Amino acid sequence: MRENAGLSQPRTFGLVAGLGVGAGIFYYKELVAAHLGLGLTPRIVMVHADVRRVMSHAAAREADQLANYLAALLGQLARAGAEIAAIPAFSPQVCAAELAAITPLPLVSLLGAISDEVKRRELHRVALFGARLTMETQLFGTLEDGDVDVIPARPEEVDQIAAIYVRVVEEGRASAEDYETLRSLAHTLIEREKLDAIILAGTDLAFVFNPENTDFPHVDGARVHLKAIMAELVR
């Protein structure tokens, strides 16, 4: 394919992988496809994070320690030539503010991309699907601006969603039963709570839902983030 003469070459992108190996692979494949679709050659460097360390810091709300660790990884990406970076995972967002103050690279924010999409679509009542930490912190408070109500699922529903999410992360795939369970829960929540949408706030939910099989109003966090990344890379 001939490179698109109308677009300059993209900036070099740094991807923090390893926080769910499947999610990192998904981001890589989608970014490559998006570049090739524009007739561009991807410029991507990656670093592998210690997911156990990240999850330990996140669960303990050790924001400063986690930010320092992630900043060191971003420093490796910068030395490898990255000009802009992203972290394709939700749990590390517990230190988003602390990391923003010390990052050696500009970051395309996962939470920021979702927040922008919610505002663009004028959504006011939403619920979250994702890891337990993400659901219990209500997307780390990102949507608490007075115009958006994040409606919690019932405790037993949170347990069910969280258990499926852990399994999908560990296996790197979703079963038909996982899909049907989450799909049914989404429809139940939307009807019961009069929601505008479900936010798919887990990058590994890309293994469960895609644009073809998602038959309820939703915001796909991973795909919204990828769109924001590409916009920055070719801007």
Protein backbone atom coordinates (compact mmCIF):
# COMPACT_ATOMS: atom_id res chain seq x y z
CA MET A 1 0.00 0.00 0.00
CA ARG A 2 1.37 3.42 -0.94
CA GLU A 3 1.74 5.83 1.97
CA ASN A 4 -0.84 8.61 2.04
CA ALA A 5 0.84 11.67 0.62
CA GLY A 6 -1.72 13.92 2.26
CA LEU A 7 -0.67 12.96 5.80
CA SER A 8 2.66 13.49 7.49
CA GLN A 9 4.20 10.46 9.15
CA PRO A 10 2.73 9.76 12.59
CA ARG A 11 4.57 10.46 15.79
CA THR A 12 6.22 7.52 17.51
CA PHE A 13 3.85 6.00 20.02
CA GLY A 14 4.79 4.34 23.30
CA LEU A 15 2.55 1.58 24.66
CA VAL A 16 2.74 0.33 28.24
CA ALA A 17 1.86 -3.34 27.74
CA GLY A 18 1.54 -6.23 30.15
CA LEU A 19 -1.40 -4.96 32.20
CA GLY A 20 -3.52 -7.70 30.76
CA VAL A 21 -1.44 -9.15 27.94
CA GLY A 22 -4.52 -9.59 25.78
CA ALA A 23 -5.44 -5.91 26.04
CA GLY A 24 -1.93 -4.88 25.00
CA ILE A 25 -2.11 -7.14 21.97
CA PHE A 26 -5.56 -5.78 21.11
CA TYR A 27 -4.29 -2.19 21.23
CA TYR A 28 -1.26 -3.06 19.12
CA LYS A 29 -3.31 -4.81 16.44
CA GLU A 30 -5.93 -2.07 16.32
CA LEU A 31 -3.32 0.69 16.08
CA VAL A 32 -1.50 -1.11 13.28
CA ALA A 33 -4.76 -1.58 11.38
CA ALA A 34 -5.71 2.09 11.87
CA HIS A 35 -2.32 3.25 10.58
CA LEU A 36 -2.44 0.96 7.55
CA GLY A 37 -5.97 2.13 6.82
CA LEU A 38 -4.55 5.63 6.44
CA GLY A 39 -1.66 4.42 4.33
CA LEU A 40 0.81 5.10 7.15
CA THR A 41 3.60 3.04 8.65
CA PRO A 42 3.13 2.56 12.41
CA ARG A 43 5.88 3.77 14.69
CA ILE A 44 5.28 1.93 17.95
CA VAL A 45 7.55 1.00 20.84
CA MET A 46 6.43 -1.03 23.84
CA VAL A 47 7.48 -1.75 27.39
CA HIS A 48 6.17 -4.59 29.55
CA ALA A 49 4.84 -3.67 33.00
CA ASP A 50 4.80 -5.95 36.04
CA VAL A 51 1.05 -6.43 36.39
CA ARG A 52 1.37 -7.90 39.90
CA ARG A 53 3.20 -4.80 41.12
CA VAL A 54 0.74 -2.46 39.45
CA MET A 55 -2.30 -4.26 40.84
CA SER A 56 -0.79 -4.39 44.33
CA HIS A 57 -0.20 -0.63 44.36
CA ALA A 58 -3.63 0.05 42.85
CA ALA A 59 -5.49 -2.15 45.33
CA ALA A 60 -3.69 -0.47 48.26
CA ARG A 61 -4.35 2.99 46.75
CA GLU A 62 -0.58 3.64 46.79
CA ALA A 63 -0.87 6.34 44.16
CA ASP A 64 2.59 7.90 44.55
CA GLN A 65 4.43 4.57 44.40
CA LEU A 66 2.43 3.48 41.37
CA ALA A 67 2.97 6.81 39.61
CA ASN A 68 6.72 6.58 40.17
CA TYR A 69 6.83 3.05 38.76
CA LEU A 70 4.80 3.97 35.68
CA ALA A 71 6.85 7.12 35.12
CA ALA A 72 9.99 4.97 35.05
CA LEU A 73 8.42 2.77 32.36
CA LEU A 74 7.42 5.85 30.39
CA GLY A 75 11.00 7.04 30.68
CA GLN A 76 12.13 3.83 28.99
CA LEU A 77 9.68 4.51 26.17
CA ALA A 78 10.95 8.08 25.83
CA ARG A 79 14.54 6.86 25.55
CA ALA A 80 13.38 4.42 22.86
CA GLY A 81 12.05 7.32 20.81
CA ALA A 82 8.42 7.59 21.84
CA GLU A 83 6.92 11.05 21.56
CA ILE A 84 3.54 10.30 23.11
CA ALA A 85 2.23 7.34 25.14
CA ALA A 86 -0.76 5.64 26.69
CA ILE A 87 -1.54 3.07 29.37
CA PRO A 88 -4.26 0.70 28.10
CA ALA A 89 -5.64 -0.35 31.47
CA PHE A 90 -8.06 1.02 34.03
CA SER A 91 -6.59 0.01 37.38
CA PRO A 92 -3.47 2.22 36.98
CA GLN A 93 -5.78 5.22 36.60
CA VAL A 94 -5.97 5.33 40.40
CA CYS A 95 -2.76 7.42 40.14
CA ALA A 96 -3.75 9.48 37.09
CA ALA A 97 -3.28 12.85 38.81
CA GLU A 98 0.03 11.88 40.41
CA LEU A 99 1.37 10.45 37.15
CA ALA A 100 0.34 13.51 35.15
CA ALA A 101 2.61 15.63 37.35
CA ILE A 102 5.75 13.57 36.72
CA THR A 103 5.32 11.79 33.38
CA PRO A 104 8.26 12.22 30.99
CA LEU A 105 5.91 11.83 28.00
CA PRO A 106 2.58 13.37 27.03
CA LEU A 107 -0.16 10.84 27.74
CA VAL A 108 -3.37 10.16 25.88
CA SER A 109 -5.67 9.71 28.85
CA LEU A 110 -7.98 6.70 28.91
CA LEU A 111 -10.27 8.37 31.44
CA GLY A 112 -10.15 11.65 29.55
CA ALA A 113 -11.17 9.97 26.30
CA ILE A 114 -14.18 8.35 27.97
CA SER A 115 -15.18 11.56 29.74
CA ASP A 116 -14.99 13.49 26.46
CA GLU A 117 -17.18 10.87 24.74
CA VAL A 118 -19.77 10.96 27.52
CA LYS A 119 -19.94 14.76 27.26
CA ARG A 120 -20.04 14.69 23.46
CA ARG A 121 -23.01 12.33 23.51
CA GLU A 122 -24.68 14.22 26.37
CA LEU A 123 -25.09 11.11 28.51
CA HIS A 124 -26.41 11.76 32.01
CA ARG A 125 -27.17 8.37 33.57
CA VAL A 126 -24.64 5.59 33.10
CA ALA A 127 -23.41 2.40 34.74
CA LEU A 128 -20.00 0.77 34.58
CA PHE A 129 -18.84 -2.69 33.55
CA GLY A 130 -15.24 -3.57 34.42
CA ALA A 131 -12.95 -4.65 37.22
CA ARG A 132 -14.21 -4.33 40.78
CA LEU A 133 -11.85 -1.43 41.56
CA THR A 134 -13.10 0.53 38.56
CA MET A 135 -16.75 -0.04 39.42
CA GLU A 136 -16.38 0.67 43.14
CA THR A 137 -14.47 3.93 42.55
CA GLN A 138 -16.98 4.93 39.86
CA LEU A 139 -14.29 5.34 37.20
CA PHE A 140 -12.03 7.01 39.76
CA GLY A 141 -14.39 9.96 40.05
CA THR A 142 -13.76 11.09 36.48
CA LEU A 143 -17.43 11.65 35.69
CA GLU A 144 -18.34 13.44 38.92
CA ASP A 145 -19.00 16.82 37.36
CA GLY A 146 -22.62 17.29 38.40
CA ASP A 147 -24.05 16.43 34.98
CA VAL A 148 -23.41 12.69 35.00
CA ASP A 149 -24.84 10.19 37.48
CA VAL A 150 -22.94 6.91 37.72
CA ILE A 151 -25.54 4.41 38.88
CA PRO A 152 -24.07 1.46 40.79
CA ALA A 153 -25.17 -2.05 40.01
CA ARG A 154 -26.50 -4.13 42.89
CA PRO A 155 -23.83 -5.89 44.99
CA GLU A 156 -24.59 -9.30 43.54
CA GLU A 157 -24.41 -7.84 40.03
CA VAL A 158 -21.05 -6.23 40.78
CA ASP A 159 -19.79 -9.60 42.00
CA GLN A 160 -20.94 -11.26 38.79
CA ILE A 161 -19.45 -8.62 36.49
CA ALA A 162 -16.15 -8.56 38.39
CA ALA A 163 -15.84 -12.36 38.34
CA ILE A 164 -16.41 -12.50 34.59
CA TYR A 165 -13.94 -9.70 34.01
CA VAL A 166 -11.20 -11.46 35.99
CA ARG A 167 -11.80 -14.63 34.00
CA VAL A 168 -11.66 -12.79 30.66
CA VAL A 169 -8.40 -11.08 31.65
CA GLU A 170 -6.83 -14.37 32.73
CA GLU A 171 -7.94 -16.33 29.68
CA GLY A 172 -7.65 -13.60 27.05
CA ARG A 173 -11.04 -14.50 25.65
CA ALA A 174 -14.72 -14.60 26.54
CA SER A 175 -17.09 -17.53 26.37
CA ALA A 176 -20.55 -17.37 24.84
CA GLU A 177 -21.92 -17.66 28.37
CA ASP A 178 -19.85 -14.66 29.53
CA TYR A 179 -21.19 -12.60 26.66
CA GLU A 180 -24.82 -13.58 27.25
CA THR A 181 -24.56 -12.92 30.99
CA LEU A 182 -23.09 -9.45 30.58
CA ARG A 183 -25.44 -8.61 27.73
CA SER A 184 -28.45 -9.62 29.84
CA LEU A 185 -27.17 -7.58 32.79
CA ALA A 186 -26.68 -4.56 30.56
CA HIS A 187 -30.26 -4.71 29.30
CA THR A 188 -31.56 -5.22 32.85
CA LEU A 189 -29.65 -2.23 34.21
CA ILE A 190 -30.62 0.05 31.35
CA GLU A 191 -34.32 -0.75 31.78
CA ARG A 192 -34.38 -0.81 35.59
CA GLU A 193 -32.27 2.31 36.16
CA LYS A 194 -33.37 4.26 33.06
CA LEU A 195 -29.77 4.55 31.88
CA ASP A 196 -28.50 6.39 28.83
CA ALA A 197 -25.65 3.91 28.36
CA ILE A 198 -23.33 1.31 29.83
CA ILE A 199 -19.67 2.32 29.93
CA LEU A 200 -17.45 -0.64 29.08
CA ALA A 201 -14.75 0.42 31.52
CA GLY A 202 -12.36 -2.46 31.06
CA THR A 203 -9.97 -2.79 28.13
CA ASP A 204 -10.36 -6.60 28.11
CA LEU A 205 -14.09 -6.19 27.52
CA ALA A 206 -13.02 -5.79 23.88
CA PHE A 207 -12.89 -9.61 23.94
CA VAL A 208 -16.56 -9.69 24.91
CA PHE A 209 -18.18 -6.87 22.98
CA ASN A 210 -17.56 -5.38 19.56
CA PRO A 211 -19.51 -2.97 17.34
CA GLU A 212 -21.37 -5.88 15.73
CA ASN A 213 -22.59 -7.75 18.81
CA THR A 214 -23.32 -4.90 21.25
CA ASP A 215 -27.06 -4.30 21.05
CA PHE A 216 -27.43 -1.82 23.90
CA PRO A 217 -26.41 1.85 24.27
CA HIS A 218 -22.78 1.89 25.36
CA VAL A 219 -19.44 3.65 25.43
CA ASP A 220 -16.62 1.28 24.53
CA GLY A 221 -13.74 2.58 26.63
CA ALA A 222 -10.94 0.79 24.79
CA ARG A 223 -12.13 1.75 21.31
CA VAL A 224 -12.79 5.36 22.33
CA HIS A 225 -9.25 5.48 23.74
CA LEU A 226 -7.79 4.05 20.54
CA LYS A 227 -9.61 6.67 18.49
CA ALA A 228 -8.17 9.42 20.71
CA ILE A 229 -4.67 7.95 20.38
CA MET A 230 -4.86 7.93 16.60
CA ALA A 231 -6.15 11.48 16.54
CA GLU A 232 -3.09 12.59 18.50
CA LEU A 233 -0.63 10.56 16.46
CA VAL A 234 -1.68 11.94 13.10
CA ARG A 235 -2.63 15.42 14.26
